[in-house]
């Protein structure tokens, strides 16, 4: 049994459901970001796992910073899906594409020169 939002419920409480879906969209987006950061973020006790990182970021995110979901976005959590939405949808949050970018500095050849050295 799916627990989607019925048309009557949505019509009666449109603002409520729109805000709940906005929260869910931002949670999904933040979860994707924390998956990418897992293993790269530490605190005074060591490396943060995915859930700790999500919790620490989510509690600091103000409501004013929430982004509106794309009109064709379908939530993963079926509690927040509308009666006419299917999962999976082709309009989901973007997944990272390609290999990660690695920036490397060029090495200078020769010794480091100081402005007061001869031949500068």
N, C-alpha and C. Protein backbone atom coordinates (compact mmCIF):
# COMPACT_ATOMS: atom_id res chain seq x y z
N UNK A 1 0.84 -1.18 0.00
CA UNK A 1 0.00 0.00 0.00
C UNK A 1 0.89 1.25 0.00
N UNK A 2 0.67 2.10 -0.95
CA UNK A 2 1.44 3.33 -1.03
C UNK A 2 0.77 4.42 -0.22
N UNK A 3 1.57 5.25 0.37
CA UNK A 3 1.07 6.32 1.23
C UNK A 3 1.27 7.66 0.54
N UNK A 4 0.63 7.86 -0.59
CA UNK A 4 0.76 9.12 -1.31
C UNK A 4 -0.27 10.13 -0.81
N UNK A 5 -0.05 11.36 -1.19
CA UNK A 5 -0.98 12.43 -0.81
C UNK A 5 -2.16 12.39 -1.77
N UNK A 6 -3.34 12.25 -1.23
CA UNK A 6 -4.56 12.19 -2.05
C UNK A 6 -4.95 13.58 -2.53
N UNK A 7 -5.66 13.68 -3.66
CA UNK A 7 -6.04 15.00 -4.20
C UNK A 7 -6.83 15.85 -3.21
N UNK A 8 -7.74 15.22 -2.45
CA UNK A 8 -8.55 15.98 -1.50
C UNK A 8 -7.68 16.57 -0.38
N UNK A 9 -6.74 15.75 0.11
CA UNK A 9 -5.84 16.21 1.18
C UNK A 9 -4.98 17.36 0.68
N UNK A 10 -4.47 17.22 -0.53
CA UNK A 10 -3.59 18.25 -1.08
C UNK A 10 -4.36 19.55 -1.29
N UNK A 11 -5.57 19.45 -1.79
CA UNK A 11 -6.37 20.65 -2.04
C UNK A 11 -6.70 21.38 -0.73
N UNK A 12 -7.03 20.61 0.31
CA UNK A 12 -7.38 21.21 1.61
C UNK A 12 -6.18 21.86 2.30
N UNK A 13 -5.01 21.22 2.18
CA UNK A 13 -3.82 21.69 2.90
C UNK A 13 -2.64 21.92 1.95
N UNK A 14 -2.89 22.63 0.87
CA UNK A 14 -1.87 22.83 -0.17
C UNK A 14 -0.60 23.45 0.37
N UNK A 15 -0.68 24.53 1.14
CA UNK A 15 0.51 25.21 1.66
C UNK A 15 1.32 24.29 2.56
N UNK A 16 0.61 23.53 3.40
CA UNK A 16 1.27 22.59 4.30
C UNK A 16 2.06 21.54 3.50
N UNK A 17 1.41 20.91 2.53
CA UNK A 17 2.06 19.86 1.76
C UNK A 17 3.19 20.42 0.88
N UNK A 18 3.00 21.60 0.35
CA UNK A 18 4.07 22.21 -0.44
C UNK A 18 5.31 22.46 0.41
N UNK A 19 5.11 22.91 1.65
CA UNK A 19 6.25 23.15 2.53
C UNK A 19 6.91 21.84 2.95
N UNK A 20 6.09 20.82 3.23
CA UNK A 20 6.66 19.52 3.60
C UNK A 20 7.49 18.94 2.46
N UNK A 21 7.01 19.12 1.24
CA UNK A 21 7.75 18.63 0.07
C UNK A 21 9.03 19.45 -0.14
N UNK A 22 8.98 20.73 0.17
CA UNK A 22 10.16 21.58 0.07
C UNK A 22 11.23 21.11 1.05
N UNK A 23 10.82 20.79 2.27
CA UNK A 23 11.75 20.25 3.27
C UNK A 23 12.35 18.95 2.77
N UNK A 24 11.52 18.07 2.25
CA UNK A 24 11.99 16.76 1.77
C UNK A 24 12.98 16.93 0.61
N UNK A 25 12.71 17.85 -0.29
CA UNK A 25 13.61 18.13 -1.41
C UNK A 25 14.98 18.56 -0.90
N UNK A 26 15.00 19.47 0.07
CA UNK A 26 16.27 19.96 0.60
C UNK A 26 17.01 18.88 1.38
N UNK A 27 16.27 18.00 2.07
CA UNK A 27 16.91 16.89 2.76
C UNK A 27 17.56 15.93 1.76
N UNK A 28 16.85 15.61 0.67
CA UNK A 28 17.42 14.73 -0.36
C UNK A 28 18.67 15.35 -0.96
N UNK A 29 18.61 16.62 -1.23
CA UNK A 29 19.75 17.32 -1.83
C UNK A 29 20.95 17.31 -0.88
N UNK A 30 20.70 17.56 0.40
CA UNK A 30 21.77 17.57 1.39
C UNK A 30 22.34 16.16 1.58
N UNK A 31 21.48 15.13 1.52
CA UNK A 31 21.97 13.75 1.65
C UNK A 31 22.92 13.40 0.50
N UNK A 32 22.60 13.85 -0.71
CA UNK A 32 23.51 13.61 -1.83
C UNK A 32 24.85 14.30 -1.61
N UNK A 33 24.82 15.51 -1.10
CA UNK A 33 26.07 16.23 -0.83
C UNK A 33 26.88 15.55 0.27
N UNK A 34 26.21 15.07 1.32
CA UNK A 34 26.95 14.43 2.40
C UNK A 34 27.54 13.10 1.96
N UNK A 35 26.88 12.41 1.03
CA UNK A 35 27.47 11.17 0.49
C UNK A 35 28.79 11.46 -0.21
N UNK A 36 28.84 12.58 -0.93
CA UNK A 36 30.07 12.96 -1.63
C UNK A 36 31.16 13.38 -0.65
N UNK A 37 30.79 13.94 0.51
CA UNK A 37 31.77 14.44 1.47
C UNK A 37 32.21 13.38 2.48
N UNK A 38 31.54 12.23 2.51
CA UNK A 38 31.88 11.20 3.48
C UNK A 38 33.33 10.78 3.32
N UNK A 39 34.03 10.72 4.43
CA UNK A 39 35.44 10.35 4.43
C UNK A 39 36.37 11.53 4.27
N UNK A 40 35.81 12.73 4.10
CA UNK A 40 36.63 13.93 3.89
C UNK A 40 36.45 14.97 4.99
N UNK A 41 35.51 14.74 5.91
CA UNK A 41 35.20 15.73 6.94
C UNK A 41 35.47 15.13 8.32
N UNK A 42 36.22 15.89 9.13
CA UNK A 42 36.59 15.44 10.46
C UNK A 42 36.18 16.48 11.50
N UNK A 43 35.98 16.01 12.71
CA UNK A 43 35.82 16.92 13.85
C UNK A 43 36.86 16.54 14.88
N UNK A 44 36.76 17.06 16.11
CA UNK A 44 37.78 16.79 17.11
C UNK A 44 37.84 15.33 17.53
N UNK A 45 36.81 14.53 17.20
CA UNK A 45 36.78 13.12 17.59
C UNK A 45 37.15 12.19 16.44
N UNK A 46 37.35 12.74 15.25
CA UNK A 46 37.71 11.91 14.11
C UNK A 46 36.79 12.13 12.93
N UNK A 47 36.82 11.18 12.01
CA UNK A 47 36.04 11.30 10.78
C UNK A 47 34.54 11.19 11.07
N UNK A 48 33.75 12.04 10.42
CA UNK A 48 32.28 11.99 10.56
C UNK A 48 31.71 11.03 9.54
N UNK A 49 30.78 10.19 9.97
CA UNK A 49 30.11 9.33 8.99
C UNK A 49 28.98 10.11 8.33
N UNK A 50 28.36 9.49 7.36
CA UNK A 50 27.34 10.17 6.54
C UNK A 50 26.19 10.74 7.37
N UNK A 51 25.68 9.96 8.33
CA UNK A 51 24.54 10.41 9.13
C UNK A 51 24.91 11.55 10.08
N UNK A 52 26.08 11.45 10.71
CA UNK A 52 26.52 12.53 11.60
C UNK A 52 26.71 13.83 10.82
N UNK A 53 27.30 13.71 9.65
CA UNK A 53 27.53 14.88 8.82
C UNK A 53 26.20 15.51 8.39
N UNK A 54 25.26 14.67 7.96
CA UNK A 54 23.94 15.18 7.56
C UNK A 54 23.27 15.89 8.73
N UNK A 55 23.25 15.25 9.89
CA UNK A 55 22.59 15.83 11.06
C UNK A 55 23.22 17.16 11.46
N UNK A 56 24.55 17.23 11.43
CA UNK A 56 25.21 18.47 11.84
C UNK A 56 24.94 19.60 10.85
N UNK A 57 24.84 19.28 9.56
CA UNK A 57 24.56 20.33 8.56
C UNK A 57 23.08 20.70 8.54
N UNK A 58 22.20 19.71 8.66
CA UNK A 58 20.76 19.97 8.58
C UNK A 58 20.29 20.88 9.71
N UNK A 59 20.81 20.67 10.91
CA UNK A 59 20.34 21.49 12.04
C UNK A 59 20.84 22.93 11.93
N UNK A 60 21.85 23.19 11.11
CA UNK A 60 22.38 24.55 10.94
C UNK A 60 21.79 25.27 9.73
N UNK A 61 21.04 24.55 8.90
CA UNK A 61 20.49 25.13 7.68
C UNK A 61 19.21 25.90 8.00
N UNK A 62 19.21 27.22 7.82
CA UNK A 62 17.99 27.99 8.13
C UNK A 62 16.93 27.79 7.05
N UNK A 63 15.67 27.94 7.42
CA UNK A 63 14.57 27.77 6.47
C UNK A 63 14.65 28.75 5.32
N UNK A 64 15.23 29.91 5.55
CA UNK A 64 15.36 30.90 4.48
C UNK A 64 16.27 30.40 3.36
N UNK A 65 17.12 29.45 3.67
CA UNK A 65 18.07 28.93 2.68
C UNK A 65 17.50 27.76 1.89
N UNK A 66 16.32 27.28 2.24
CA UNK A 66 15.73 26.15 1.52
C UNK A 66 15.46 26.55 0.07
N UNK A 67 15.73 25.63 -0.83
CA UNK A 67 15.46 25.85 -2.25
C UNK A 67 14.12 25.22 -2.60
N UNK A 68 13.43 25.84 -3.55
CA UNK A 68 12.17 25.27 -4.02
C UNK A 68 12.46 24.10 -4.95
N UNK A 69 11.69 23.02 -4.82
CA UNK A 69 11.93 21.88 -5.70
C UNK A 69 11.51 22.18 -7.13
N UNK A 70 12.17 21.49 -8.05
CA UNK A 70 11.80 21.58 -9.45
C UNK A 70 10.36 21.06 -9.59
N UNK A 71 9.52 21.66 -10.43
CA UNK A 71 8.12 21.24 -10.53
C UNK A 71 7.94 19.75 -10.89
N UNK A 72 8.89 19.18 -11.57
CA UNK A 72 8.74 17.77 -11.97
C UNK A 72 9.48 16.81 -11.03
N UNK A 73 10.01 17.33 -9.91
CA UNK A 73 10.71 16.48 -8.94
C UNK A 73 9.72 15.58 -8.23
N UNK A 74 10.13 14.31 -8.03
CA UNK A 74 9.31 13.34 -7.30
C UNK A 74 10.12 12.88 -6.09
N UNK A 75 9.55 13.01 -4.88
CA UNK A 75 10.30 12.62 -3.68
C UNK A 75 10.52 11.11 -3.58
N UNK A 76 11.67 10.75 -3.02
CA UNK A 76 11.95 9.32 -2.78
C UNK A 76 10.98 8.76 -1.75
N UNK A 77 10.72 9.52 -0.71
CA UNK A 77 9.83 9.09 0.36
C UNK A 77 8.39 9.17 -0.15
N UNK A 78 7.73 8.03 -0.20
CA UNK A 78 6.38 8.03 -0.79
C UNK A 78 5.34 8.76 0.04
N UNK A 79 5.63 9.07 1.27
CA UNK A 79 4.70 9.83 2.11
C UNK A 79 4.46 11.22 1.52
N UNK A 80 5.45 11.76 0.81
CA UNK A 80 5.35 13.11 0.27
C UNK A 80 5.08 13.14 -1.23
N UNK A 81 4.79 12.00 -1.81
CA UNK A 81 4.46 11.96 -3.24
C UNK A 81 2.99 12.29 -3.45
N UNK A 82 2.73 12.99 -4.54
CA UNK A 82 1.34 13.28 -4.90
C UNK A 82 0.73 12.05 -5.56
N UNK A 83 -0.58 12.02 -5.62
CA UNK A 83 -1.31 10.89 -6.18
C UNK A 83 -0.93 10.59 -7.63
N UNK A 84 -0.45 11.59 -8.37
CA UNK A 84 -0.17 11.40 -9.79
C UNK A 84 1.32 11.29 -10.10
N UNK A 85 2.15 11.05 -9.09
CA UNK A 85 3.60 10.96 -9.30
C UNK A 85 4.06 9.51 -9.24
N UNK A 86 5.02 9.19 -10.10
CA UNK A 86 5.59 7.84 -10.13
C UNK A 86 7.04 7.90 -9.72
N UNK A 87 7.49 6.80 -9.11
CA UNK A 87 8.90 6.67 -8.73
C UNK A 87 9.46 5.45 -9.41
N UNK A 88 10.62 5.42 -9.95
CA UNK A 88 11.53 6.56 -10.09
C UNK A 88 11.11 7.44 -11.24
N UNK A 89 11.47 8.68 -11.13
CA UNK A 89 11.14 9.65 -12.16
C UNK A 89 12.41 10.02 -12.90
N UNK A 90 12.27 10.43 -14.14
CA UNK A 90 13.45 10.87 -14.89
C UNK A 90 13.89 12.26 -14.45
N UNK A 91 13.10 12.91 -13.60
CA UNK A 91 13.43 14.25 -13.12
C UNK A 91 13.84 14.21 -11.66
N UNK A 92 14.86 13.46 -11.34
CA UNK A 92 15.34 13.38 -9.97
C UNK A 92 16.50 14.34 -9.77
N UNK A 93 16.96 14.43 -8.56
CA UNK A 93 18.13 15.26 -8.28
C UNK A 93 19.29 14.77 -9.12
N UNK A 94 20.09 15.65 -9.64
CA UNK A 94 21.19 15.23 -10.51
C UNK A 94 22.22 14.40 -9.76
N UNK A 95 22.63 13.32 -10.39
CA UNK A 95 23.69 12.47 -9.85
C UNK A 95 25.01 12.98 -10.40
N UNK A 96 26.08 12.86 -9.62
CA UNK A 96 27.37 13.32 -10.12
C UNK A 96 27.77 12.54 -11.37
N UNK A 97 28.31 13.25 -12.35
CA UNK A 97 28.72 12.62 -13.60
C UNK A 97 30.23 12.68 -13.73
N UNK A 98 30.79 11.67 -14.33
CA UNK A 98 32.21 11.68 -14.64
C UNK A 98 33.10 11.49 -13.43
N UNK A 99 34.37 11.64 -13.66
CA UNK A 99 35.36 11.48 -12.61
C UNK A 99 35.50 12.78 -11.83
N UNK A 100 35.93 12.69 -10.58
CA UNK A 100 36.14 13.92 -9.81
C UNK A 100 37.32 14.70 -10.38
N UNK A 101 37.24 16.00 -10.30
CA UNK A 101 38.30 16.88 -10.79
C UNK A 101 39.40 16.96 -9.75
N UNK A 102 40.64 16.75 -10.19
CA UNK A 102 41.79 16.86 -9.30
C UNK A 102 42.67 17.99 -9.83
N UNK A 103 42.87 19.01 -9.00
CA UNK A 103 43.71 20.13 -9.39
C UNK A 103 45.12 19.88 -8.89
N UNK A 104 46.08 20.08 -9.76
CA UNK A 104 47.47 19.89 -9.39
C UNK A 104 48.24 21.17 -9.70
N UNK A 105 49.11 21.54 -8.80
CA UNK A 105 49.93 22.73 -9.00
C UNK A 105 51.12 22.38 -9.88
N UNK A 106 51.51 23.32 -10.72
CA UNK A 106 52.70 23.13 -11.54
C UNK A 106 53.92 23.30 -10.66
N UNK A 107 54.89 22.47 -10.86
CA UNK A 107 56.10 22.62 -10.06
C UNK A 107 57.03 23.60 -10.76
N UNK A 108 57.61 24.48 -9.99
CA UNK A 108 58.57 25.44 -10.53
C UNK A 108 59.91 24.74 -10.68
N UNK A 109 60.58 25.01 -11.76
CA UNK A 109 61.91 24.44 -11.93
C UNK A 109 62.93 25.43 -11.42
N UNK A 110 63.87 24.93 -10.69
CA UNK A 110 64.92 25.79 -10.17
C UNK A 110 64.62 26.26 -8.77
N UNK A 111 65.58 26.95 -8.17
CA UNK A 111 65.42 27.42 -6.79
C UNK A 111 64.45 28.59 -6.70
N UNK A 112 63.95 28.81 -5.51
CA UNK A 112 63.05 29.93 -5.25
C UNK A 112 63.89 31.21 -5.21
N UNK A 113 63.44 32.21 -5.93
CA UNK A 113 64.20 33.47 -6.00
C UNK A 113 63.55 34.51 -5.10
N UNK A 114 64.39 35.28 -4.49
CA UNK A 114 63.94 36.36 -3.61
C UNK A 114 64.17 37.68 -4.32
N UNK A 115 63.32 38.69 -4.13
CA UNK A 115 63.48 39.96 -4.84
C UNK A 115 64.83 40.65 -4.60
N UNK A 116 65.48 40.39 -3.46
CA UNK A 116 66.74 41.03 -3.16
C UNK A 116 67.95 40.27 -3.70
N UNK A 117 67.70 39.06 -4.25
CA UNK A 117 68.79 38.29 -4.85
C UNK A 117 69.20 38.89 -6.18
N UNK A 118 70.45 38.67 -6.55
CA UNK A 118 70.91 39.13 -7.85
C UNK A 118 70.26 38.29 -8.95
N UNK A 119 69.98 38.92 -10.06
CA UNK A 119 69.40 38.19 -11.19
C UNK A 119 67.89 38.04 -11.12
N UNK A 120 67.28 38.78 -10.26
CA UNK A 120 65.81 38.70 -10.11
C UNK A 120 65.17 39.28 -11.28
